[in-house]
Amino acid sequence: MFMVLMTLFKVLLWRHADLDDLSIGTPVANRHRLSDEQIIGSFANTLVIRSLLNEDLTFEQVLEQVRTNLLEAYLYQDYPFEKPVEDIQPERDLGRSPIIQIWFSYFNTDLDKVLIGDLELEELETGISGAKFDLSLSLTESGNTLKCAWEYNTDLYCHETIQRLSERRSVLIHGILLSQTLAIGDYSMQSTETKRIEGLLMQEDAIVGHSFTSDDSSPFSLLQCFDKWASVSSSRICLIDDTHRLTYKEVTQAG
């Protein structure tokens, strides 16, 4: 399950980024020895999983690549993450993690309630003081469902962007469940709402095109395209700054 979900996350990122070389950080418990199981403390380490992607690869091929790289990384899980950082000596920035800026974690145990003998432990929400990476996705098994939590750098992403990313992830999952042999560039990531809006825009194109009395073949101006999009997306966020959030309707009324 973990390998499939990481592969899906990599494909999602590849579809949004102009990068074919993707490296993602993921935690490893690092308790693979029986002698470590009774020791109190954190042995967790960071693994960096690299993938080379292109539009001709199928999901199954990417999954096999991720599987191979993960199994190889597990062989060196005792090697502290800090050591390759020292060896590579990447350019350091106090606002960014070295080597990796994307994080993926998967927990197959729900930690909401944990029983230790007669003692019941309950997880408490403490809030997030700041994002450790540019973008993180954490998945936790809970019964027959997966809890999904996104953490992101608000200097780079807004809430609406992450919401769209999450929606496209759901659409991508549906497509992969239908077929795992498609090229990763061929999966649709359009939500039902996006398809509805595109359909309305196509209808609007036909209406506007028939209303022209001069040259029907002339392309729409940028302003006309904006007005048509605003007419079917009036309640969606259009502009954001440090103090204001304006919808398409508010922008068109102000114009």
C-alpha atoms as a PDB file:
ATOM      1  CA  MET A   1       0.000   0.000   0.000  1.00  0.00           C
ATOM      2  CA  PHE A   2       2.774   2.430   0.961  1.00  0.00           C
ATOM      3  CA  MET A   3       4.621   1.972  -2.334  1.00  0.00           C
ATOM      4  CA  VAL A   4       1.441   2.440  -4.372  1.00  0.00           C
ATOM      5  CA  LEU A   5       0.489   5.620  -2.514  1.00  0.00           C
ATOM      6  CA  MET A   6       3.987   7.083  -2.845  1.00  0.00           C
ATOM      7  CA  THR A   7       3.967   6.308  -6.575  1.00  0.00           C
ATOM      8  CA  LEU A   8       0.613   8.014  -6.935  1.00  0.00           C
ATOM      9  CA  PHE A   9       1.939  11.074  -5.094  1.00  0.00           C
ATOM     10  CA  LYS A  10       4.990  11.210  -7.378  1.00  0.00           C
ATOM     11  CA  VAL A  11       2.823  11.029 -10.502  1.00  0.00           C
ATOM     12  CA  LEU A  12       0.606  13.795  -9.126  1.00  0.00           C
ATOM     13  CA  LEU A  13       3.634  16.024  -8.518  1.00  0.00           C
ATOM     14  CA  TRP A  14       5.113  15.200 -11.923  1.00  0.00           C
ATOM     15  CA  ARG A  15       1.891  16.260 -13.625  1.00  0.00           C
ATOM     16  CA  HIS A  16       2.120  19.676 -11.933  1.00  0.00           C
ATOM     17  CA  ALA A  17       5.863  20.295 -12.026  1.00  0.00           C
ATOM     18  CA  ASP A  18       8.226  20.903 -14.912  1.00  0.00           C
ATOM     19  CA  LEU A  19      10.602  18.271 -13.526  1.00  0.00           C
ATOM     20  CA  ASP A  20      11.349  14.712 -14.591  1.00  0.00           C
ATOM     21  CA  ASP A  21      13.772  14.105 -11.717  1.00  0.00           C
ATOM     22  CA  LEU A  22      11.810  13.976  -8.451  1.00  0.00           C
ATOM     23  CA  SER A  23      13.161  13.252  -4.976  1.00  0.00           C
ATOM     24  CA  ILE A  24      10.832  12.837  -2.003  1.00  0.00           C
ATOM     25  CA  GLY A  25      11.706  12.406   1.656  1.00  0.00           C
ATOM     26  CA  THR A  26       9.974   9.792   3.775  1.00  0.00           C
ATOM     27  CA  PRO A  27      10.491   8.622   7.382  1.00  0.00           C
ATOM     28  CA  VAL A  28      11.618   5.179   8.406  1.00  0.00           C
ATOM     29  CA  ALA A  29      11.178   3.828  11.948  1.00  0.00           C
ATOM     30  CA  ASN A  30      14.646   2.228  11.791  1.00  0.00           C
ATOM     31  CA  ARG A  31      13.681  -0.528  14.242  1.00  0.00           C
ATOM     32  CA  HIS A  32      14.404  -3.510  12.016  1.00  0.00           C
ATOM     33  CA  ARG A  33      16.314  -5.402  14.736  1.00  0.00           C
ATOM     34  CA  LEU A  34      14.476  -7.377  17.430  1.00  0.00           C
ATOM     35  CA  SER A  35      16.833  -5.929  20.034  1.00  0.00           C
ATOM     36  CA  ASP A  36      15.553  -2.414  19.257  1.00  0.00           C
ATOM     37  CA  GLU A  37      11.875  -3.130  19.902  1.00  0.00           C
ATOM     38  CA  GLN A  38      12.107  -2.836  23.703  1.00  0.00           C
ATOM     39  CA  ILE A  39      14.230   0.316  23.703  1.00  0.00           C
ATOM     40  CA  ILE A  40      12.486   3.608  24.452  1.00  0.00           C
ATOM     41  CA  GLY A  41      13.390   6.490  22.183  1.00  0.00           C
ATOM     42  CA  SER A  42      13.307   7.650  18.596  1.00  0.00           C
ATOM     43  CA  PHE A  43      15.341   5.789  15.989  1.00  0.00           C
ATOM     44  CA  ALA A  44      13.579   7.461  13.058  1.00  0.00           C
ATOM     45  CA  ASN A  45      15.630   8.383  10.035  1.00  0.00           C
ATOM     46  CA  THR A  46      14.918  10.068   6.679  1.00  0.00           C
ATOM     47  CA  LEU A  47      15.118   8.250   3.350  1.00  0.00           C
ATOM     48  CA  VAL A  48      15.310  10.125   0.042  1.00  0.00           C
ATOM     49  CA  ILE A  49      13.520   8.306  -2.787  1.00  0.00           C
ATOM     50  CA  ARG A  50      14.456   9.496  -6.264  1.00  0.00           C
ATOM     51  CA  SER A  51      12.472   8.827  -9.440  1.00  0.00           C
ATOM     52  CA  LEU A  52      13.138   9.643 -13.095  1.00  0.00           C
ATOM     53  CA  LEU A  53       9.804  10.106 -14.844  1.00  0.00           C
ATOM     54  CA  ASN A  54       8.656  10.752 -18.395  1.00  0.00           C
ATOM     55  CA  GLU A  55       5.350  10.777 -20.230  1.00  0.00           C
ATOM     56  CA  ASP A  56       5.931   7.355 -21.842  1.00  0.00           C
ATOM     57  CA  LEU A  57       6.131   5.456 -18.562  1.00  0.00           C
ATOM     58  CA  THR A  58       3.045   3.596 -17.364  1.00  0.00           C
ATOM     59  CA  PHE A  59       1.906   3.684 -13.761  1.00  0.00           C
ATOM     60  CA  GLU A  60       3.054   0.081 -13.342  1.00  0.00           C
ATOM     61  CA  GLN A  61       6.549   0.999 -14.563  1.00  0.00           C
ATOM     62  CA  VAL A  62       6.778   3.957 -12.188  1.00  0.00           C
ATOM     63  CA  LEU A  63       5.566   1.729  -9.346  1.00  0.00           C
ATOM     64  CA  GLU A  64       8.314  -0.809 -10.116  1.00  0.00           C
ATOM     65  CA  GLN A  65      10.893   1.998 -10.146  1.00  0.00           C
ATOM     66  CA  VAL A  66       9.680   3.306  -6.776  1.00  0.00           C
ATOM     67  CA  ARG A  67       9.634  -0.218  -5.341  1.00  0.00           C
ATOM     68  CA  THR A  68      13.217  -0.884  -6.465  1.00  0.00           C
ATOM     69  CA  ASN A  69      14.500   2.425  -5.074  1.00  0.00           C
ATOM     70  CA  LEU A  70      12.682   1.959  -1.766  1.00  0.00           C
ATOM     71  CA  LEU A  71      14.017  -1.554  -1.210  1.00  0.00           C
ATOM     72  CA  GLU A  72      17.525  -0.340  -1.969  1.00  0.00           C
ATOM     73  CA  ALA A  73      17.103   2.610   0.404  1.00  0.00           C
ATOM     74  CA  TYR A  74      15.983   0.264   3.201  1.00  0.00           C
ATOM     75  CA  LEU A  75      19.371  -1.456   2.980  1.00  0.00           C
ATOM     76  CA  TYR A  76      20.988   1.806   4.114  1.00  0.00           C
ATOM     77  CA  GLN A  77      18.359   2.989   6.593  1.00  0.00           C
ATOM     78  CA  ASP A  78      20.926   2.969   9.424  1.00  0.00           C
ATOM     79  CA  TYR A  79      22.955   5.618   7.633  1.00  0.00           C
ATOM     80  CA  PRO A  80      21.951   8.976   9.229  1.00  0.00           C
ATOM     81  CA  PHE A  81      20.407  11.480   6.833  1.00  0.00           C
ATOM     82  CA  GLU A  82      22.799  14.120   8.146  1.00  0.00           C
ATOM     83  CA  LYS A  83      25.797  12.221   6.742  1.00  0.00           C
ATOM     84  CA  PRO A  84      24.901  12.460   3.020  1.00  0.00           C
ATOM     85  CA  VAL A  85      23.984  16.110   3.619  1.00  0.00           C
ATOM     86  CA  GLU A  86      27.509  16.657   4.912  1.00  0.00           C
ATOM     87  CA  ASP A  87      28.986  14.690   1.999  1.00  0.00           C
ATOM     88  CA  ILE A  88      26.970  16.433  -0.722  1.00  0.00           C
ATOM     89  CA  GLN A  89      27.212  19.868   0.913  1.00  0.00           C
ATOM     90  CA  PRO A  90      24.205  21.414  -0.851  1.00  0.00           C
ATOM     91  CA  GLU A  91      23.673  25.152  -0.754  1.00  0.00           C
ATOM     92  CA  ARG A  92      22.044  25.791   2.622  1.00  0.00           C
ATOM     93  CA  ASP A  93      19.062  28.029   3.276  1.00  0.00           C
ATOM     94  CA  LEU A  94      17.528  28.540   6.729  1.00  0.00           C
ATOM     95  CA  GLY A  95      14.082  28.573   5.118  1.00  0.00           C
ATOM     96  CA  ARG A  96      14.445  25.232   3.285  1.00  0.00           C
ATOM     97  CA  SER A  97      15.349  21.670   4.150  1.00  0.00           C
ATOM     98  CA  PRO A  98      18.546  20.411   2.468  1.00  0.00           C
ATOM     99  CA  ILE A  99      18.210  17.976  -0.477  1.00  0.00           C
ATOM    100  CA  ILE A 100      14.425  17.470  -0.137  1.00  0.00           C
ATOM    101  CA  GLN A 101      11.539  19.938  -0.108  1.00  0.00           C
ATOM    102  CA  ILE A 102       8.723  17.387  -0.510  1.00  0.00           C
ATOM    103  CA  TRP A 103       7.727  14.939   2.254  1.00  0.00           C
ATOM    104  CA  PHE A 104       5.521  11.865   2.196  1.00  0.00           C
ATOM    105  CA  SER A 105       4.584   9.744   5.206  1.00  0.00           C
ATOM    106  CA  TYR A 106       2.283   6.775   5.693  1.00  0.00           C
ATOM    107  CA  PHE A 107       1.145   5.289   8.998  1.00  0.00           C
ATOM    108  CA  ASN A 108      -0.677   1.955   9.088  1.00  0.00           C
ATOM    109  CA  THR A 109      -1.699   2.443  12.725  1.00  0.00           C
ATOM    110  CA  ASP A 110      -4.232   5.006  13.877  1.00  0.00           C
ATOM    111  CA  LEU A 111      -2.728   6.834  16.853  1.00  0.00           C
ATOM    112  CA  ASP A 112      -5.950   8.476  18.021  1.00  0.00           C
ATOM    113  CA  LYS A 113      -6.077   5.947  20.875  1.00  0.00           C
ATOM    114  CA  VAL A 114      -3.318   3.566  21.926  1.00  0.00           C
ATOM    115  CA  LEU A 115      -3.633   0.953  24.682  1.00  0.00           C
ATOM    116  CA  ILE A 116      -0.589  -0.024  26.754  1.00  0.00           C
ATOM    117  CA  GLY A 117      -1.818  -2.515  29.328  1.00  0.00           C
ATOM    118  CA  ASP A 118      -4.489  -0.677  31.329  1.00  0.00           C
ATOM    119  CA  LEU A 119      -3.163   2.687  30.150  1.00  0.00           C
ATOM    120  CA  GLU A 120      -4.971   4.432  27.301  1.00  0.00           C
ATOM    121  CA  LEU A 121      -3.046   7.079  25.359  1.00  0.00           C
ATOM    122  CA  GLU A 122      -4.861   9.663  23.281  1.00  0.00           C
ATOM    123  CA  GLU A 123      -3.307  11.902  20.645  1.00  0.00           C
ATOM    124  CA  LEU A 124      -3.827  15.621  21.203  1.00  0.00           C
ATOM    125  CA  GLU A 125      -3.789  18.265  18.494  1.00  0.00           C
ATOM    126  CA  THR A 126      -1.085  20.814  19.266  1.00  0.00           C
ATOM    127  CA  GLY A 127      -1.344  22.883  16.097  1.00  0.00           C
ATOM    128  CA  ILE A 128       1.352  23.501  13.495  1.00  0.00           C
ATOM    129  CA  SER A 129       3.844  26.262  14.165  1.00  0.00           C
ATOM    130  CA  GLY A 130       5.267  26.164  10.655  1.00  0.00           C
ATOM    131  CA  ALA A 131       5.727  23.893   7.650  1.00  0.00           C
ATOM    132  CA  LYS A 132       8.946  21.878   7.767  1.00  0.00           C
ATOM    133  CA  PHE A 133       8.925  21.380   3.985  1.00  0.00           C
ATOM    134  CA  ASP A 134       7.489  23.145   0.959  1.00  0.00           C
ATOM    135  CA  LEU A 135       4.816  20.444   0.706  1.00  0.00           C
ATOM    136  CA  SER A 136       3.990  17.395   2.837  1.00  0.00           C
ATOM    137  CA  LEU A 137       1.351  14.698   2.528  1.00  0.00           C
ATOM    138  CA  SER A 138       0.653  12.394   5.494  1.00  0.00           C
ATOM    139  CA  LEU A 139      -1.679   9.407   5.228  1.00  0.00           C
ATOM    140  CA  THR A 140      -2.923   7.400   8.215  1.00  0.00           C
ATOM    141  CA  GLU A 141      -4.988   4.213   8.131  1.00  0.00           C
ATOM    142  CA  SER A 142      -8.150   4.437  10.218  1.00  0.00           C
ATOM    143  CA  GLY A 143     -10.388   1.406   9.863  1.00  0.00           C
ATOM    144  CA  ASN A 144     -11.302   1.129   6.183  1.00  0.00           C
ATOM    145  CA  THR A 145     -10.358   4.725   5.409  1.00  0.00           C
ATOM    146  CA  LEU A 146      -7.218   6.798   4.978  1.00  0.00           C
ATOM    147  CA  LYS A 147      -6.873  10.100   6.785  1.00  0.00           C
ATOM    148  CA  CYS A 148      -5.181  12.615   4.521  1.00  0.00           C
ATOM    149  CA  ALA A 149      -3.322  15.642   5.903  1.00  0.00           C
ATOM    150  CA  TRP A 150      -1.568  18.285   3.807  1.00  0.00           C
ATOM    151  CA  GLU A 151       1.048  20.642   5.220  1.00  0.00           C
ATOM    152  CA  TYR A 152       2.445  23.407   3.043  1.00  0.00           C
ATOM    153  CA  ASN A 153       4.490  26.582   2.949  1.00  0.00           C
ATOM    154  CA  THR A 154       1.995  29.447   2.772  1.00  0.00           C
ATOM    155  CA  ASP A 155       4.600  31.609   1.035  1.00  0.00           C
ATOM    156  CA  LEU A 156       4.335  29.223  -1.916  1.00  0.00           C
ATOM    157  CA  TYR A 157       0.794  27.838  -1.816  1.00  0.00           C
ATOM    158  CA  CYS A 158      -2.655  29.063  -0.860  1.00  0.00           C
ATOM    159  CA  HIS A 159      -5.513  26.966   0.518  1.00  0.00           C
ATOM    160  CA  GLU A 160      -7.319  26.860  -2.835  1.00  0.00           C
ATOM    161  CA  THR A 161      -4.240  25.483  -4.596  1.00  0.00           C
ATOM    162  CA  ILE A 162      -3.884  22.620  -2.110  1.00  0.00           C
ATOM    163  CA  GLN A 163      -7.607  21.950  -2.313  1.00  0.00           C
ATOM    164  CA  ARG A 164      -7.373  21.598  -6.100  1.00  0.00           C
ATOM    165  CA  LEU A 165      -4.308  19.375  -5.709  1.00  0.00           C
ATOM    166  CA  SER A 166      -6.233  17.136  -3.319  1.00  0.00           C
ATOM    167  CA  GLU A 167      -9.215  16.971  -5.688  1.00  0.00           C
ATOM    168  CA  ARG A 168      -6.963  16.030  -8.610  1.00  0.00           C
ATOM    169  CA  ARG A 169      -5.333  13.356  -6.487  1.00  0.00           C
ATOM    170  CA  SER A 170      -8.768  11.783  -5.946  1.00  0.00           C
ATOM    171  CA  VAL A 171      -9.487  11.866  -9.692  1.00  0.00           C
ATOM    172  CA  LEU A 172      -6.063  10.356 -10.409  1.00  0.00           C
ATOM    173  CA  ILE A 173      -6.728   7.526  -7.932  1.00  0.00           C
ATOM    174  CA  HIS A 174      -9.986   6.732  -9.721  1.00  0.00           C
ATOM    175  CA  GLY A 175      -8.229   6.625 -13.106  1.00  0.00           C
ATOM    176  CA  ILE A 176      -5.438   4.376 -11.852  1.00  0.00           C
ATOM    177  CA  LEU A 177      -7.932   1.969 -10.290  1.00  0.00           C
ATOM    178  CA  LEU A 178      -9.558   1.636 -13.720  1.00  0.00           C
ATOM    179  CA  SER A 179      -6.252   0.983 -15.497  1.00  0.00           C
ATOM    180  CA  GLN A 180      -2.640   0.747 -14.350  1.00  0.00           C
ATOM    181  CA  THR A 181      -1.200   0.383 -17.865  1.00  0.00           C
ATOM    182  CA  LEU A 182      -1.875   3.906 -19.147  1.00  0.00           C
ATOM    183  CA  ALA A 183       1.025   6.292 -19.675  1.00  0.00           C
ATOM    184  CA  ILE A 184       1.201   8.607 -16.659  1.00  0.00           C
ATOM    185  CA  GLY A 185       0.658  11.623 -18.889  1.00  0.00           C
ATOM    186  CA  ASP A 186      -2.662  10.237 -20.170  1.00  0.00           C
ATOM    187  CA  TYR A 187      -4.587  10.087 -16.896  1.00  0.00           C
ATOM    188  CA  SER A 188      -7.278  12.719 -16.537  1.00  0.00           C
ATOM    189  CA  MET A 189      -7.133  14.899 -13.443  1.00  0.00           C
ATOM    190  CA  GLN A 190     -10.178  17.020 -14.172  1.00  0.00           C
ATOM    191  CA  SER A 191     -12.757  17.039 -11.422  1.00  0.00           C
ATOM    192  CA  THR A 192     -16.461  16.881 -12.194  1.00  0.00           C
ATOM    193  CA  GLU A 193     -16.723  20.587 -11.363  1.00  0.00           C
ATOM    194  CA  THR A 194     -13.919  21.486 -13.787  1.00  0.00           C
ATOM    195  CA  LYS A 195     -15.539  19.464 -16.555  1.00  0.00           C
ATOM    196  CA  ARG A 196     -18.858  21.205 -15.863  1.00  0.00           C
ATOM    197  CA  ILE A 197     -17.242  24.636 -16.157  1.00  0.00           C
ATOM    198  CA  GLU A 198     -15.445  23.676 -19.371  1.00  0.00           C
ATOM    199  CA  GLY A 199     -18.747  22.460 -20.788  1.00  0.00           C
ATOM    200  CA  LEU A 200     -20.387  25.763 -19.905  1.00  0.00           C
ATOM    201  CA  LEU A 201     -17.518  27.660 -21.497  1.00  0.00           C
ATOM    202  CA  MET A 202     -17.874  25.646 -24.694  1.00  0.00           C
ATOM    203  CA  GLN A 203     -21.588  26.424 -24.747  1.00  0.00           C
ATOM    204  CA  GLU A 204     -20.799  30.056 -24.139  1.00  0.00           C
ATOM    205  CA  ASP A 205     -18.272  29.974 -26.987  1.00  0.00           C
ATOM    206  CA  ALA A 206     -21.012  28.851 -29.338  1.00  0.00           C
ATOM    207  CA  ILE A 207     -23.411  31.539 -28.116  1.00  0.00           C
ATOM    208  CA  VAL A 208     -20.866  34.333 -28.320  1.00  0.00           C
ATOM    209  CA  GLY A 209     -19.600  33.127 -31.683  1.00  0.00           C
ATOM    210  CA  HIS A 210     -23.099  33.301 -33.216  1.00  0.00           C
ATOM    211  CA  SER A 211     -23.638  36.758 -31.793  1.00  0.00           C
ATOM    212  CA  PHE A 212     -20.731  38.276 -33.752  1.00  0.00           C
ATOM    213  CA  THR A 213     -21.848  40.296 -36.751  1.00  0.00           C
ATOM    214  CA  SER A 214     -18.382  40.998 -38.146  1.00  0.00           C
ATOM    215  CA  ASP A 215     -15.604  38.383 -38.317  1.00  0.00           C
ATOM    216  CA  ASP A 216     -16.760  35.242 -36.477  1.00  0.00           C
ATOM    217  CA  SER A 217     -13.358  33.598 -36.997  1.00  0.00           C
ATOM    218  CA  SER A 218     -11.419  36.240 -35.052  1.00  0.00           C
ATOM    219  CA  PRO A 219     -10.073  34.927 -31.691  1.00  0.00           C
ATOM    220  CA  PHE A 220     -11.487  36.116 -28.391  1.00  0.00           C
ATOM    221  CA  SER A 221      -9.537  38.798 -26.577  1.00  0.00           C
ATOM    222  CA  LEU A 222      -8.065  38.089 -23.149  1.00  0.00           C
ATOM    223  CA  LEU A 223     -10.735  40.286 -21.567  1.00  0.00           C
ATOM    224  CA  GLN A 224     -13.528  38.333 -23.295  1.00  0.00           C
ATOM    225  CA  CYS A 225     -12.060  35.044 -22.090  1.00  0.00           C
ATOM    226  CA  PHE A 226     -11.844  36.407 -18.540  1.00  0.00           C
ATOM    227  CA  ASP A 227     -15.454  37.622 -18.640  1.00  0.00           C
ATOM    228  CA  LYS A 228     -16.680  34.242 -19.853  1.00  0.00           C
ATOM    229  CA  TRP A 229     -14.784  32.387 -17.137  1.00  0.00           C
ATOM    230  CA  ALA A 230     -16.051  34.821 -14.504  1.00  0.00           C
ATOM    231  CA  SER A 231     -19.641  34.278 -15.626  1.00  0.00           C
ATOM    232  CA  VAL A 232     -19.497  30.595 -14.611  1.00  0.00           C
ATOM    233  CA  SER A 233     -17.066  30.967 -11.700  1.00  0.00           C
ATOM    234  CA  SER A 234     -18.399  34.068  -9.985  1.00  0.00           C
ATOM    235  CA  SER A 235     -18.011  32.697  -6.449  1.00  0.00           C
ATOM    236  CA  ARG A 236     -14.476  31.327  -6.905  1.00  0.00           C
ATOM    237  CA  ILE A 237     -11.424  33.173  -5.590  1.00  0.00           C
ATOM    238  CA  CYS A 238      -9.768  35.273  -8.305  1.00  0.00           C
ATOM    239  CA  LEU A 239      -7.232  37.520  -6.536  1.00  0.00           C
ATOM    240  CA  ILE A 240      -5.415  37.139  -3.215  1.00  0.00           C
ATOM    241  CA  ASP A 241      -3.019  39.415  -1.385  1.00  0.00           C
ATOM    242  CA  ASP A 242      -1.956  39.820   2.245  1.00  0.00           C
ATOM    243  CA  THR A 243      -5.225  41.466   3.294  1.00  0.00           C
ATOM    244  CA  HIS A 244      -7.893  40.726   0.649  1.00  0.00           C
ATOM    245  CA  ARG A 245      -9.497  37.791  -1.151  1.00  0.00           C
ATOM    246  CA  LEU A 246     -11.665  38.775  -4.113  1.00  0.00           C
ATOM    247  CA  THR A 247     -14.003  36.534  -6.100  1.00  0.00           C
ATOM    248  CA  TYR A 248     -14.419  36.769  -9.874  1.00  0.00           C
ATOM    249  CA  LYS A 249     -17.739  38.548  -9.341  1.00  0.00           C
ATOM    250  CA  GLU A 250     -16.126  41.190  -7.116  1.00  0.00           C
ATOM    251  CA  VAL A 251     -13.306  41.751  -9.614  1.00  0.00           C
ATOM    252  CA  THR A 252     -15.675  42.178 -12.562  1.00  0.00           C
ATOM    253  CA  GLN A 253     -17.880  44.555 -10.550  1.00  0.00           C
ATOM    254  CA  ALA A 254     -14.834  46.610  -9.564  1.00  0.00           C
ATOM    255  CA  GLY A 255     -13.708  46.759 -13.194  1.00  0.00           C
END
